[in-house]
N, C-alpha and C. Protein backbone atom coordinates (compact mmCIF):
# COMPACT_ATOMS: atom_id res chain seq x y z
N ARG A 1 32.60 58.05 -4.28
CA ARG A 1 33.37 59.05 -3.40
C ARG A 1 32.35 60.19 -3.28
N GLN A 2 32.04 60.58 -2.06
CA GLN A 2 31.16 61.75 -1.83
C GLN A 2 32.03 62.90 -1.35
N PRO A 3 31.97 63.97 -2.13
CA PRO A 3 32.78 65.19 -1.80
C PRO A 3 32.21 66.01 -0.71
N PHE A 4 32.94 65.90 0.51
CA PHE A 4 32.51 66.75 1.73
C PHE A 4 33.71 67.29 2.32
N GLY A 5 34.75 67.48 1.68
CA GLY A 5 35.88 68.21 2.24
C GLY A 5 35.73 69.50 2.52
N ALA A 6 35.19 70.42 1.84
CA ALA A 6 35.07 71.88 2.36
C ALA A 6 34.07 71.84 3.54
N THR A 7 33.11 70.94 3.62
CA THR A 7 32.19 71.23 4.82
C THR A 7 32.99 70.69 6.17
N ILE A 8 33.95 69.64 5.98
CA ILE A 8 34.74 69.26 7.01
C ILE A 8 35.84 70.18 7.42
N VAL A 9 36.30 71.01 6.47
CA VAL A 9 37.35 72.10 6.79
C VAL A 9 36.60 73.14 7.30
N ILE A 10 35.49 73.51 7.06
CA ILE A 10 34.81 74.74 7.62
C ILE A 10 34.36 74.48 8.98
N LEU A 11 33.75 73.19 9.22
CA LEU A 11 33.63 72.72 10.49
C LEU A 11 34.81 72.66 11.43
N ALA A 12 35.92 72.48 11.07
CA ALA A 12 37.21 72.29 11.85
C ALA A 12 37.52 73.94 12.01
N LEU A 13 37.47 74.71 10.96
CA LEU A 13 37.66 76.13 11.11
C LEU A 13 36.80 76.85 12.09
N LEU A 14 35.52 76.50 12.05
CA LEU A 14 34.61 77.25 13.08
C LEU A 14 34.94 76.63 14.61
N ALA A 15 35.31 75.34 14.64
CA ALA A 15 35.61 74.88 15.86
C ALA A 15 36.79 75.70 16.54
N GLY A 16 37.87 75.87 15.56
CA GLY A 16 39.08 76.57 15.99
C GLY A 16 38.68 77.81 16.43
N LYS A 17 37.87 78.64 15.62
CA LYS A 17 37.45 80.01 15.73
C LYS A 17 36.73 80.03 17.22
N TRP A 18 35.82 78.98 17.53
CA TRP A 18 35.25 79.42 18.68
C TRP A 18 36.20 79.00 20.19
N VAL A 19 37.15 78.20 20.03
CA VAL A 19 38.23 78.00 20.91
C VAL A 19 39.00 79.40 20.97
N THR A 20 39.39 80.05 19.87
CA THR A 20 40.00 81.09 19.88
C THR A 20 39.26 82.35 20.63
N ILE A 21 37.88 82.47 20.26
CA ILE A 21 37.06 83.52 20.78
C ILE A 21 36.82 83.31 22.22
N TRP A 22 36.73 81.73 22.63
CA TRP A 22 36.51 81.81 24.14
C TRP A 22 37.75 81.80 24.96
N ALA A 23 39.09 81.59 24.27
CA ALA A 23 40.18 82.10 24.93
C ALA A 23 40.40 83.30 25.11
N ALA A 24 40.48 83.93 23.93
CA ALA A 24 40.73 85.41 23.83
C ALA A 24 39.80 86.31 24.51
N TRP A 25 38.54 86.03 24.30
CA TRP A 25 37.60 87.17 24.82
C TRP A 25 36.93 86.92 26.07
N TRP A 26 36.64 85.65 26.35
CA TRP A 26 36.21 85.26 27.56
C TRP A 26 37.15 85.37 28.75
N TRP A 27 38.20 84.54 28.68
CA TRP A 27 39.19 84.39 29.57
C TRP A 27 40.04 85.73 30.02
N TRP A 28 40.49 86.37 28.90
CA TRP A 28 41.35 87.57 29.20
C TRP A 28 40.32 88.92 29.51
N SER A 29 39.43 89.00 28.86
CA SER A 29 38.74 90.33 29.02
C SER A 29 37.25 90.26 29.67
N ASN A 30 36.78 89.15 29.91
CA ASN A 30 35.45 88.90 30.31
C ASN A 30 34.41 89.50 29.37
N TYR A 31 34.58 89.58 28.16
CA TYR A 31 33.77 90.03 27.05
C TYR A 31 32.68 88.83 26.80
N PRO A 32 31.37 89.21 26.76
CA PRO A 32 30.38 88.15 26.50
C PRO A 32 30.51 87.32 25.09
N VAL A 33 30.74 86.22 25.25
CA VAL A 33 30.91 85.41 24.12
C VAL A 33 29.80 85.72 22.90
N ASN A 34 28.61 85.90 23.33
CA ASN A 34 27.34 85.90 22.32
C ASN A 34 27.56 86.99 21.58
N PHE A 35 28.45 88.17 22.00
CA PHE A 35 28.63 89.39 21.08
C PHE A 35 29.42 89.00 20.00
N VAL A 36 30.34 88.04 19.94
CA VAL A 36 31.41 88.04 19.15
C VAL A 36 31.10 86.54 18.44
N MET A 37 30.72 86.51 17.32
CA MET A 37 30.40 85.49 16.61
C MET A 37 31.02 85.30 15.01
N PRO A 38 31.70 84.03 14.77
CA PRO A 38 32.14 83.98 13.55
C PRO A 38 31.24 83.96 12.36
N SER A 39 31.68 84.21 11.23
CA SER A 39 30.68 84.32 9.94
C SER A 39 30.33 82.97 9.71
N THR A 40 29.09 82.76 9.11
CA THR A 40 28.65 81.54 8.79
C THR A 40 29.07 81.10 7.45
N LEU A 41 29.73 80.38 7.59
CA LEU A 41 30.34 79.78 6.33
C LEU A 41 29.93 78.52 5.93
N LEU A 42 29.13 77.65 6.90
CA LEU A 42 28.72 76.34 6.51
C LEU A 42 27.82 76.21 5.10
N PRO A 43 26.76 77.06 4.90
CA PRO A 43 25.91 77.00 3.75
C PRO A 43 26.83 77.08 2.68
N SER A 44 28.01 78.01 2.74
CA SER A 44 28.66 78.20 1.38
C SER A 44 29.54 76.92 1.17
N ALA A 45 29.99 76.22 2.00
CA ALA A 45 30.75 74.94 2.09
C ALA A 45 29.98 73.77 1.50
N ILE A 46 28.68 73.65 1.97
CA ILE A 46 27.67 72.77 1.40
C ILE A 46 27.58 73.06 -0.07
N VAL A 47 27.28 74.21 -0.48
CA VAL A 47 27.08 74.58 -1.92
C VAL A 47 28.17 74.21 -2.76
N LEU A 48 29.49 74.39 -2.31
CA LEU A 48 30.84 74.16 -3.00
C LEU A 48 30.89 72.71 -3.05
N ASP A 49 30.54 71.85 -1.91
CA ASP A 49 30.63 70.25 -2.05
C ASP A 49 29.39 70.01 -3.22
N CYS A 50 28.35 70.44 -3.22
CA CYS A 50 27.27 70.06 -4.06
C CYS A 50 27.75 70.32 -5.52
N ILE A 51 28.39 71.61 -5.63
CA ILE A 51 28.93 71.78 -7.09
C ILE A 51 30.09 70.71 -7.65
N LEU A 52 30.81 70.32 -6.67
CA LEU A 52 31.85 69.23 -6.88
C LEU A 52 31.01 67.93 -7.20
N LEU A 53 30.24 67.60 -6.62
CA LEU A 53 29.09 66.35 -6.61
C LEU A 53 28.48 66.44 -7.89
N LEU A 54 27.92 67.56 -8.41
CA LEU A 54 27.13 67.41 -9.51
C LEU A 54 28.05 67.48 -10.91
N THR A 55 29.31 68.50 -10.81
CA THR A 55 30.12 68.64 -11.87
C THR A 55 31.27 67.47 -12.13
N ARG A 56 31.74 67.07 -11.06
CA ARG A 56 32.82 66.12 -10.97
C ARG A 56 33.89 66.65 -11.62
N ASN A 57 34.13 68.05 -11.62
CA ASN A 57 35.28 68.64 -12.41
C ASN A 57 35.81 69.66 -11.37
N TRP A 58 37.08 69.53 -11.28
CA TRP A 58 37.84 70.56 -10.48
C TRP A 58 37.83 71.96 -10.90
N THR A 59 37.90 72.11 -12.22
CA THR A 59 37.99 73.50 -12.63
C THR A 59 36.63 74.08 -12.61
N LEU A 60 35.60 73.47 -13.02
CA LEU A 60 34.25 74.03 -12.78
C LEU A 60 33.88 74.37 -11.42
N THR A 61 34.23 73.34 -10.49
CA THR A 61 34.20 73.63 -9.11
C THR A 61 34.99 74.81 -8.61
N ALA A 62 35.90 75.15 -9.08
CA ALA A 62 36.78 76.29 -8.58
C ALA A 62 36.32 77.59 -9.33
N VAL A 63 35.71 77.72 -10.45
CA VAL A 63 35.05 78.73 -10.95
C VAL A 63 33.72 79.02 -10.37
N ILE A 64 32.68 78.03 -10.58
CA ILE A 64 31.42 78.25 -10.18
C ILE A 64 31.41 78.10 -8.71
N GLY A 65 31.84 77.13 -8.04
CA GLY A 65 31.77 77.03 -6.64
C GLY A 65 32.41 78.25 -5.79
N ALA A 66 33.60 78.68 -6.41
CA ALA A 66 34.07 79.78 -5.58
C ALA A 66 33.29 81.03 -5.91
N TRP A 67 32.64 81.15 -6.91
CA TRP A 67 31.79 82.23 -7.10
C TRP A 67 30.40 82.20 -6.13
N LEU A 68 29.95 81.03 -6.15
CA LEU A 68 28.91 80.91 -5.39
C LEU A 68 29.28 81.00 -3.86
N PHE A 69 30.41 80.49 -3.35
CA PHE A 69 30.94 80.60 -1.96
C PHE A 69 30.85 82.22 -1.57
N ALA A 70 31.40 83.07 -2.53
CA ALA A 70 31.34 84.34 -2.13
C ALA A 70 30.14 85.01 -2.21
N ILE A 71 29.18 84.66 -3.06
CA ILE A 71 27.93 85.17 -3.22
C ILE A 71 27.12 84.90 -1.91
N LEU A 72 27.30 83.63 -1.48
CA LEU A 72 26.49 83.29 -0.29
C LEU A 72 27.02 83.70 0.96
N PHE A 73 28.31 84.41 1.08
CA PHE A 73 28.84 84.93 2.33
C PHE A 73 28.05 85.80 2.95
N TYR A 74 27.57 86.85 2.32
CA TYR A 74 26.86 88.03 2.82
C TYR A 74 25.42 87.81 3.20
N PRO A 75 24.61 87.00 2.57
CA PRO A 75 23.33 86.69 2.88
C PRO A 75 23.00 85.80 4.05
N THR A 76 24.15 84.96 4.30
CA THR A 76 24.02 83.87 5.50
C THR A 76 24.19 84.71 6.64
N ASN A 77 24.58 85.84 6.82
CA ASN A 77 24.79 86.51 8.04
C ASN A 77 23.38 87.29 8.36
N TRP A 78 22.49 87.47 7.57
CA TRP A 78 21.22 88.28 7.63
C TRP A 78 20.61 87.56 9.05
N ALA A 79 20.36 86.39 8.96
CA ALA A 79 19.61 85.84 9.96
C ALA A 79 20.13 86.16 11.24
N LEU A 80 21.47 86.17 11.48
CA LEU A 80 22.20 86.54 12.68
C LEU A 80 21.94 87.89 13.13
N PHE A 81 21.94 88.97 12.06
CA PHE A 81 21.85 90.33 12.65
C PHE A 81 20.67 91.01 12.28
N ALA A 82 19.78 90.08 11.87
CA ALA A 82 18.33 90.87 11.45
C ALA A 82 17.64 91.59 12.85
N TYR A 83 17.93 91.07 14.02
CA TYR A 83 17.16 91.61 15.14
C TYR A 83 17.79 93.03 15.31
N SER A 84 19.18 93.23 15.04
CA SER A 84 19.52 94.60 15.40
C SER A 84 18.96 95.80 14.48
N HIS A 85 18.07 95.37 13.49
CA HIS A 85 17.66 96.30 12.49
C HIS A 85 16.05 96.57 12.93
N THR A 86 15.65 96.21 14.01
CA THR A 86 14.10 96.21 14.21
C THR A 86 14.03 97.75 14.88
N PRO A 87 12.85 98.56 14.65
CA PRO A 87 12.65 99.77 15.09
C PRO A 87 12.45 99.86 16.53
N LEU A 88 13.10 100.72 17.19
CA LEU A 88 12.79 101.11 18.62
C LEU A 88 12.76 102.55 18.95
N VAL A 89 11.60 102.85 19.83
CA VAL A 89 11.43 104.21 19.92
C VAL A 89 11.86 104.65 21.46
N VAL A 90 12.82 105.46 21.52
CA VAL A 90 13.50 105.79 22.86
C VAL A 90 13.37 107.37 22.84
N ASP A 91 12.53 107.59 23.88
CA ASP A 91 12.27 109.33 24.18
C ASP A 91 11.77 109.81 22.76
N GLY A 92 10.94 109.39 22.20
CA GLY A 92 10.20 109.95 20.83
C GLY A 92 11.33 109.81 19.73
N THR A 93 12.26 109.38 19.68
CA THR A 93 13.38 109.18 18.60
C THR A 93 13.34 107.67 18.30
N LEU A 94 13.11 107.52 16.80
CA LEU A 94 13.25 106.31 16.11
C LEU A 94 14.52 105.69 16.00
N LEU A 95 15.00 104.76 16.65
CA LEU A 95 16.35 104.15 16.58
C LEU A 95 16.24 102.56 16.05
N SER A 96 17.52 102.08 15.84
CA SER A 96 17.47 100.63 15.63
C SER A 96 18.02 100.26 16.70
N TRP A 97 18.03 98.80 16.97
CA TRP A 97 18.53 98.22 18.23
C TRP A 97 20.17 98.28 18.17
N ALA A 98 20.60 98.31 17.02
CA ALA A 98 22.08 98.54 16.72
C ALA A 98 22.63 100.09 17.19
N ASP A 99 21.69 100.99 17.09
CA ASP A 99 22.02 102.22 17.31
C ASP A 99 21.74 102.86 18.78
N TYR A 100 20.92 101.79 19.52
CA TYR A 100 20.53 102.03 20.81
C TYR A 100 21.54 101.44 21.82
């Protein structure tokens, strides 16, 4: 038996999140969908499933897997938001894209 429950749950959560974003932001307020993105939980779910695959123990998966799930939550968003930290010069003032 291959453990892939966390990955399927996160994929279903992301699909539901995108339906909610599309319905709430695009239909009601015409806000661009590309500015509203969910957190990337898929790498953390894959690591959680790998911990269960390697240990075959629910207790170790709960302790080690939950810790790794939380640790990987922040760095998986770096690739999404890295562009907003690039430097930009506006009228002689150095700003980032997030500040401009």
